[in-house]
Protein backbone atom coordinates (compact mmCIF):
# COMPACT_ATOMS: atom_id res chain seq x y z
CA UNK A 1 12.39 72.80 110.87
CA UNK A 2 9.71 70.10 111.08
CA UNK A 3 9.05 67.99 108.01
CA UNK A 4 6.08 65.72 107.16
CA UNK A 5 5.86 63.19 104.34
CA UNK A 6 2.47 62.02 103.09
CA UNK A 7 2.97 58.88 100.99
CA UNK A 8 0.42 57.61 98.49
CA UNK A 9 0.45 54.13 100.07
CA UNK A 10 1.18 52.58 103.45
CA UNK A 11 4.12 50.44 102.33
CA UNK A 12 6.01 53.45 101.02
CA UNK A 13 5.31 55.27 104.27
CA UNK A 14 6.80 52.41 106.30
CA UNK A 15 10.02 52.53 104.28
CA UNK A 16 10.22 56.32 104.45
CA UNK A 17 9.63 56.24 108.20
CA UNK A 18 12.52 53.80 108.63
CA UNK A 19 14.74 55.95 106.41
CA UNK A 20 14.30 58.92 108.80
CA UNK A 21 14.16 61.45 105.96
CA UNK A 22 11.31 63.26 107.74
CA UNK A 23 10.06 63.76 111.28
CA UNK A 24 6.89 61.86 110.39
CA UNK A 25 5.93 59.75 107.35
CA UNK A 26 2.31 58.67 107.00
CA UNK A 27 0.65 56.81 104.13
CA UNK A 28 -2.85 56.36 102.79
CA UNK A 29 -4.22 52.82 102.54
CA UNK A 30 -7.06 53.83 100.23
CA UNK A 31 -7.77 51.68 97.17
CA UNK A 32 -9.61 53.36 94.31
CA UNK A 33 -8.99 50.94 91.44
CA UNK A 34 -11.40 48.15 92.38
CA UNK A 35 -14.92 48.20 93.79
CA UNK A 36 -17.33 51.02 94.52
CA UNK A 37 -15.75 54.31 95.52
CA UNK A 38 -16.49 55.69 98.95
CA UNK A 39 -18.46 58.92 98.90
CA UNK A 40 -16.66 62.22 99.39
CA UNK A 41 -18.31 62.50 102.80
CA UNK A 42 -17.04 59.06 103.85
CA UNK A 43 -13.51 59.84 102.71
CA UNK A 44 -13.51 63.16 104.56
CA UNK A 45 -14.87 61.56 107.74
CA UNK A 46 -11.97 59.12 107.71
CA UNK A 47 -9.53 62.02 107.90
CA UNK A 48 -11.17 63.77 110.85
CA UNK A 49 -9.96 63.57 114.43
CA UNK A 50 -10.93 60.18 115.83
CA UNK A 51 -14.40 60.09 117.38
CA UNK A 52 -17.33 57.75 117.98
CA UNK A 53 -17.94 57.85 114.21
CA UNK A 54 -14.79 55.77 113.69
CA UNK A 55 -16.16 52.62 115.27
CA UNK A 56 -14.89 50.01 112.79
CA UNK A 57 -11.31 49.02 111.91
CA UNK A 58 -10.18 51.08 108.96
CA UNK A 59 -12.64 53.94 109.57
CA UNK A 60 -9.86 56.31 110.65
CA UNK A 61 -6.98 57.19 108.36
CA UNK A 62 -4.38 56.32 111.04
CA UNK A 63 -5.77 52.93 112.06
CA UNK A 64 -2.89 51.15 110.34
CA UNK A 65 -0.16 53.57 111.41
CA UNK A 66 2.40 51.89 113.61
CA UNK A 67 2.85 52.70 117.27
CA UNK A 68 5.24 55.60 117.59
CA UNK A 69 4.66 56.79 114.02
CA UNK A 70 3.71 60.25 115.30
CA UNK A 71 6.12 60.55 118.22
CA UNK A 72 6.46 64.18 119.20
CA UNK A 73 3.62 65.32 116.96
CA UNK A 74 0.49 63.80 118.46
CA UNK A 75 -1.34 60.52 118.73
CA UNK A 76 -3.09 58.28 116.22
CA UNK A 77 -6.31 60.12 117.01
CA UNK A 78 -5.24 63.25 115.12
CA UNK A 79 -6.99 64.41 111.95
CA UNK A 80 -5.14 65.05 108.69
CA UNK A 81 -5.59 68.82 108.63
CA UNK A 82 -4.66 69.12 112.30
CA UNK A 83 -1.50 67.08 111.69
CA UNK A 84 -0.47 69.12 108.65
CA UNK A 85 -0.73 72.32 110.68
CA UNK A 86 2.05 71.10 112.98
CA UNK A 87 4.74 71.05 110.28
CA UNK A 88 6.84 73.67 108.53
CA UNK A 89 7.11 71.69 105.29
CA UNK A 90 5.12 68.86 103.72
CA UNK A 91 6.02 66.56 100.85
CA UNK A 92 3.71 64.17 99.03
CA UNK A 93 5.75 61.17 97.86
CA UNK A 94 4.07 59.58 94.84
CA UNK A 95 4.70 56.01 93.75
CA UNK A 96 4.25 55.36 90.00
CA UNK A 97 1.34 52.89 90.14
CA UNK A 98 -2.20 53.82 88.97
CA UNK A 99 -3.77 53.74 92.43
CA UNK A 100 -1.05 56.09 93.69
CA UNK A 101 -1.91 58.56 90.93
CA UNK A 102 -5.55 58.46 92.01
CA UNK A 103 -4.59 59.02 95.64
CA UNK A 104 -2.48 61.99 94.53
CA UNK A 105 -5.27 63.75 92.62
CA UNK A 106 -7.79 62.98 95.38
CA UNK A 107 -5.47 64.41 98.02
CA UNK A 108 -4.65 67.58 96.07
CA UNK A 109 -8.33 68.13 95.32
CA UNK A 110 -9.04 67.71 99.04
CA UNK A 111 -6.28 70.08 100.19
CA UNK A 112 -6.95 72.74 97.54
CA UNK A 113 -9.04 75.09 99.78
CA UNK A 114 -6.55 74.98 102.69
CA UNK A 115 -4.01 77.69 101.83
CA UNK A 116 -2.28 77.31 105.18
CA UNK A 117 -1.35 73.78 104.05
CA UNK A 118 -0.90 74.20 100.30
CA UNK A 119 1.68 76.98 100.67
CA UNK A 120 4.11 74.51 102.26
CA UNK A 121 3.35 71.58 99.96
CA UNK A 122 5.80 69.90 97.55
CA UNK A 123 5.64 66.82 95.33
CA UNK A 124 8.26 64.07 95.05
CA UNK A 125 7.85 61.50 92.28
CA UNK A 126 9.45 58.09 92.74
CA UNK A 127 10.44 56.19 89.59
CA UNK A 128 9.79 52.84 91.30
CA UNK A 129 7.77 51.67 94.27
CA UNK A 130 9.53 53.07 97.32
CA UNK A 131 8.80 49.94 99.37
CA UNK A 132 10.84 47.83 96.92
CA UNK A 133 14.01 49.45 98.28
CA UNK A 134 15.78 49.24 101.61
CA UNK A 135 15.25 52.20 103.92
CA UNK A 136 19.02 52.80 103.99
CA UNK A 137 19.03 53.21 100.21
CA UNK A 138 16.00 55.51 100.20
CA UNK A 139 17.70 57.72 102.80
CA UNK A 140 20.42 58.48 100.22
CA UNK A 141 18.06 59.37 97.37
CA UNK A 142 18.25 62.92 96.04
CA UNK A 143 14.94 63.17 94.20
CA UNK A 144 13.81 66.55 92.89
CA UNK A 145 10.94 68.29 94.63
CA UNK A 146 8.27 70.31 92.86
CA UNK A 147 6.37 73.13 94.48
CA UNK A 148 2.62 72.55 94.19
CA UNK A 149 1.12 75.35 92.13
CA UNK A 150 -2.40 76.39 91.22
CA UNK A 151 -2.32 74.42 87.97
CA UNK A 152 -1.57 71.25 89.94
CA UNK A 153 -4.72 71.76 91.95
CA UNK A 154 -6.83 72.61 88.91
CA UNK A 155 -5.76 69.50 87.00
CA UNK A 156 -6.03 67.28 90.08
CA UNK A 157 -9.60 68.41 90.68
CA UNK A 158 -10.48 67.83 87.04
CA UNK A 159 -8.95 64.33 87.06
CA UNK A 160 -10.63 63.33 90.33
CA UNK A 161 -14.03 64.57 89.13
CA UNK A 162 -13.53 62.69 85.86
CA UNK A 163 -12.79 59.41 87.65
CA UNK A 164 -15.82 59.85 89.90
CA UNK A 165 -18.13 60.70 86.98
CA UNK A 166 -21.07 58.48 86.01
CA UNK A 167 -19.40 57.46 82.76
CA UNK A 168 -15.73 56.95 81.80
CA UNK A 169 -15.97 59.53 79.01
CA UNK A 170 -14.37 62.32 81.02
CA UNK A 171 -11.35 60.13 81.85
CA UNK A 172 -10.97 59.20 78.20
CA UNK A 173 -11.21 62.87 77.22
CA UNK A 174 -8.38 63.67 79.65
CA UNK A 175 -6.04 61.66 77.41
CA UNK A 176 -6.42 64.42 74.82
CA UNK A 177 -5.18 66.95 77.41
CA UNK A 178 -1.65 67.98 78.32
CA UNK A 179 -1.07 66.00 81.52
CA UNK A 180 2.69 66.50 81.83
CA UNK A 181 2.21 68.35 85.11
CA UNK A 182 1.54 64.85 86.53
CA UNK A 183 4.10 62.68 84.71
CA UNK A 184 2.47 59.31 85.46
CA UNK A 185 -1.19 60.25 85.18
CA UNK A 186 -1.63 59.53 81.46
CA UNK A 187 -0.23 55.99 81.70
CA UNK A 188 -2.33 55.43 84.84
CA UNK A 189 -5.53 56.48 83.06
CA UNK A 190 -4.78 54.18 80.13
CA UNK A 191 -4.13 51.26 82.48
CA UNK A 192 -7.38 51.98 84.31
CA UNK A 193 -9.41 52.26 81.09
CA UNK A 194 -8.02 48.87 80.07
CA UNK A 195 -9.75 47.47 83.17
CA UNK A 196 -13.13 48.28 81.63
CA UNK A 197 -14.91 45.28 80.10
CA UNK A 198 -13.14 44.28 76.91
CA UNK A 199 -15.10 44.80 73.70
CA UNK A 200 -14.93 41.05 72.92
CA UNK A 201 -14.64 39.14 76.20
CA UNK A 202 -16.27 41.56 78.64
CA UNK A 203 -13.44 41.22 81.15
CA UNK A 204 -10.80 43.75 82.14
CA UNK A 205 -7.14 43.29 81.26
CA UNK A 206 -6.11 42.09 84.74
CA UNK A 207 -8.93 39.56 84.83
CA UNK A 208 -7.89 38.26 81.44
CA UNK A 209 -4.32 37.99 82.73
CA UNK A 210 -5.63 35.87 85.61
CA UNK A 211 -7.41 33.53 83.23
CA UNK A 212 -4.28 33.36 81.12
CA UNK A 213 -2.23 32.45 84.18
CA UNK A 214 -4.61 29.57 84.98
CA UNK A 215 -4.56 28.52 81.32
CA UNK A 216 -0.77 28.24 81.56
CA UNK A 217 -1.15 25.67 84.33
CA UNK A 218 -1.01 27.71 87.52
CA UNK A 219 -3.68 26.56 89.96
CA UNK A 220 -2.70 28.04 93.36
CA UNK A 221 -5.10 30.93 94.12
CA UNK A 222 -2.50 32.58 96.33
CA UNK A 223 0.06 32.58 93.51
CA UNK A 224 -2.49 33.88 91.02
CA UNK A 225 -3.51 36.76 93.28
CA UNK A 226 0.02 37.70 94.32
CA UNK A 227 1.75 37.53 90.93
CA UNK A 228 3.30 40.70 89.51
CA UNK A 229 1.72 39.85 86.17
CA UNK A 230 -1.50 41.70 86.92
CA UNK A 231 -0.16 44.93 85.45
CA UNK A 232 0.36 46.77 88.77
CA UNK A 233 -3.24 48.03 88.77
CA UNK A 234 -4.49 45.59 91.42
CA UNK A 235 -2.73 44.86 94.66
CA UNK A 236 -2.98 41.41 96.23
CA UNK A 237 -6.26 42.16 98.00
CA UNK A 238 -7.85 43.58 94.85
CA UNK A 239 -6.74 40.51 92.90
CA UNK A 240 -8.15 38.14 95.51
CA UNK A 241 -11.50 39.93 95.42
CA UNK A 242 -11.54 39.86 91.62
CA UNK A 243 -10.72 36.15 91.52
CA UNK A 244 -13.43 35.32 94.06
CA UNK A 245 -15.94 37.40 92.11
CA UNK A 246 -15.11 35.56 88.88
CA UNK A 247 -15.76 32.25 90.64
CA UNK A 248 -19.10 33.34 92.13
CA UNK A 249 -21.02 34.05 88.93
CA UNK A 250 -23.82 31.69 87.99
CA UNK A 251 -21.80 30.79 84.88
CA UNK A 252 -18.25 31.30 86.16
CA UNK A 253 -15.10 31.37 84.04
CA UNK A 254 -13.13 29.75 86.88
CA UNK A 255 -13.80 27.28 89.65
CA UNK A 256 -12.10 28.09 92.92
CA UNK A 257 -11.79 24.96 95.02
CA UNK A 258 -14.77 23.90 97.09
CA UNK A 259 -17.65 26.43 96.90
CA UNK A 260 -18.75 25.43 100.42
CA UNK A 261 -15.41 26.52 101.88
CA UNK A 262 -15.96 29.97 103.36
CA UNK A 263 -13.83 31.00 106.31
CA UNK A 264 -11.38 33.79 107.00
CA UNK A 265 -8.63 32.22 104.87
CA UNK A 266 -11.03 32.20 101.92
CA UNK A 267 -8.87 29.94 99.76
CA UNK A 268 -5.72 32.03 99.84
CA UNK A 269 -4.07 30.37 102.82
CA UNK A 270 -5.04 26.84 101.79
CA UNK A 271 -2.86 25.39 99.08
CA UNK A 272 -5.17 22.38 98.50
CA UNK A 273 -7.76 24.59 96.80
CA UNK A 274 -7.08 24.75 93.08
CA UNK A 275 -8.22 27.19 90.43
CA UNK A 276 -9.43 25.66 87.18
CA UNK A 277 -10.92 27.10 84.02
CA UNK A 278 -14.47 26.26 83.02
CA UNK A 279 -15.61 25.90 79.44
CA UNK A 280 -16.54 29.59 79.50
CA UNK A 281 -13.12 30.46 80.89
CA UNK A 282 -11.37 28.61 78.07
CA UNK A 283 -13.57 30.36 75.52
CA UNK A 284 -12.73 33.73 77.04
CA UNK A 285 -9.01 33.02 76.91
CA UNK A 286 -9.45 32.22 73.22
CA UNK A 287 -11.49 35.45 72.83
CA UNK A 288 -14.40 33.44 71.48
CA UNK A 289 -17.11 34.39 73.99
CA UNK A 290 -18.51 37.27 76.02
CA UNK A 291 -18.72 37.01 79.82
CA UNK A 292 -21.86 39.13 80.00
CA UNK A 293 -23.78 37.06 77.47
CA UNK A 294 -24.03 34.48 80.27
CA UNK A 295 -24.07 36.58 83.45
CA UNK A 296 -25.50 39.81 84.87
CA UNK A 297 -22.71 42.28 85.50
CA UNK A 298 -22.40 43.85 88.97
CA UNK A 299 -19.40 46.11 88.92
CA UNK A 300 -18.10 49.64 89.38
CA UNK A 301 -15.34 51.39 87.48
CA UNK A 302 -14.55 54.61 89.32
CA UNK A 303 -17.91 56.34 89.62
CA UNK A 304 -19.39 54.38 86.70
CA UNK A 305 -21.86 51.64 87.56
CA UNK A 306 -21.62 48.95 84.90
CA UNK A 307 -24.75 46.95 84.14
CA UNK A 308 -25.78 44.85 81.18
CA UNK A 309 -27.86 47.78 79.97
CA UNK A 310 -25.10 50.36 80.62
CA UNK A 311 -22.02 48.39 79.72
CA UNK A 312 -19.16 50.65 78.76
CA UNK A 313 -16.37 48.69 77.11
CA UNK A 314 -12.78 49.13 76.00
CA UNK A 315 -11.56 48.33 72.50
CA UNK A 316 -7.96 47.27 73.00
CA UNK A 317 -7.20 47.33 69.27
CA UNK A 318 -8.24 50.95 68.67
CA UNK A 319 -7.61 51.98 72.30
CA UNK A 320 -10.99 53.62 72.48
CA UNK A 321 -14.20 53.60 74.51
CA UNK A 322 -17.23 51.70 73.27
CA UNK A 323 -20.47 53.23 74.52
CA UNK A 324 -23.42 51.05 75.60
């Protein structure tokens, strides 16, 4: 009986592949928690069989799959639906982090019309990040599996539509809904809403954590972007992009080394570049100023475009949305 694992991130897939608990284990490298979301058409194109449309690195969903990852079941040119058809059973392994919850609801919403796939689909929830464990240990895990039912697909579609909506209201409204069918989704939504501009400072929780890290005396941009203190919403690449963005505003809260330095390392492989707080940065740490009183905002949160005129905020004290 052939068995496929679809993991909600590439690192988990690598560990699961080494553990040999399935014939094939493939992950999704998609990041939904930072930056503008790809359109539904772009996401679907990435899952098709490889063609001339996939001309750039990362365009095809298997670009980062290792050589031999599909041995016996095709090549790295295969499309997702074509691959799923080859297997008798399919499990989606879900890490607990917010981006993994978004990948889960996106994937279930995508697969919902394909009954030939959904009838052999099960969910496996990991309590910790799979990649934090040795493959030999993961091979011995006996995690429960849950058959995917219609209510999974209904809630997944609702959650994915809410995150892609033009305002964060639908995501906030989901918190008033019974979400126990997806055990980690509620905490993921709260963590994501906390990344909206703060009611006082205008920065998200992870950005404020970065400023706090610098305020405590840490100046290495690589350390700041790799630290586990950024609440598990951002990965290292997200954190690097966020830190660079903070330094590029006309009135920045941080200075990031030499502004003329701009090569592929982009600060994070060069320990001589130091992060320092500006006067604005110190005021933000003290919660005495507002980032967007000094700068135009250029940011996306899910499907919400945030501008100075349409600036949705998060009130961390009342844990509520603040409309523009």
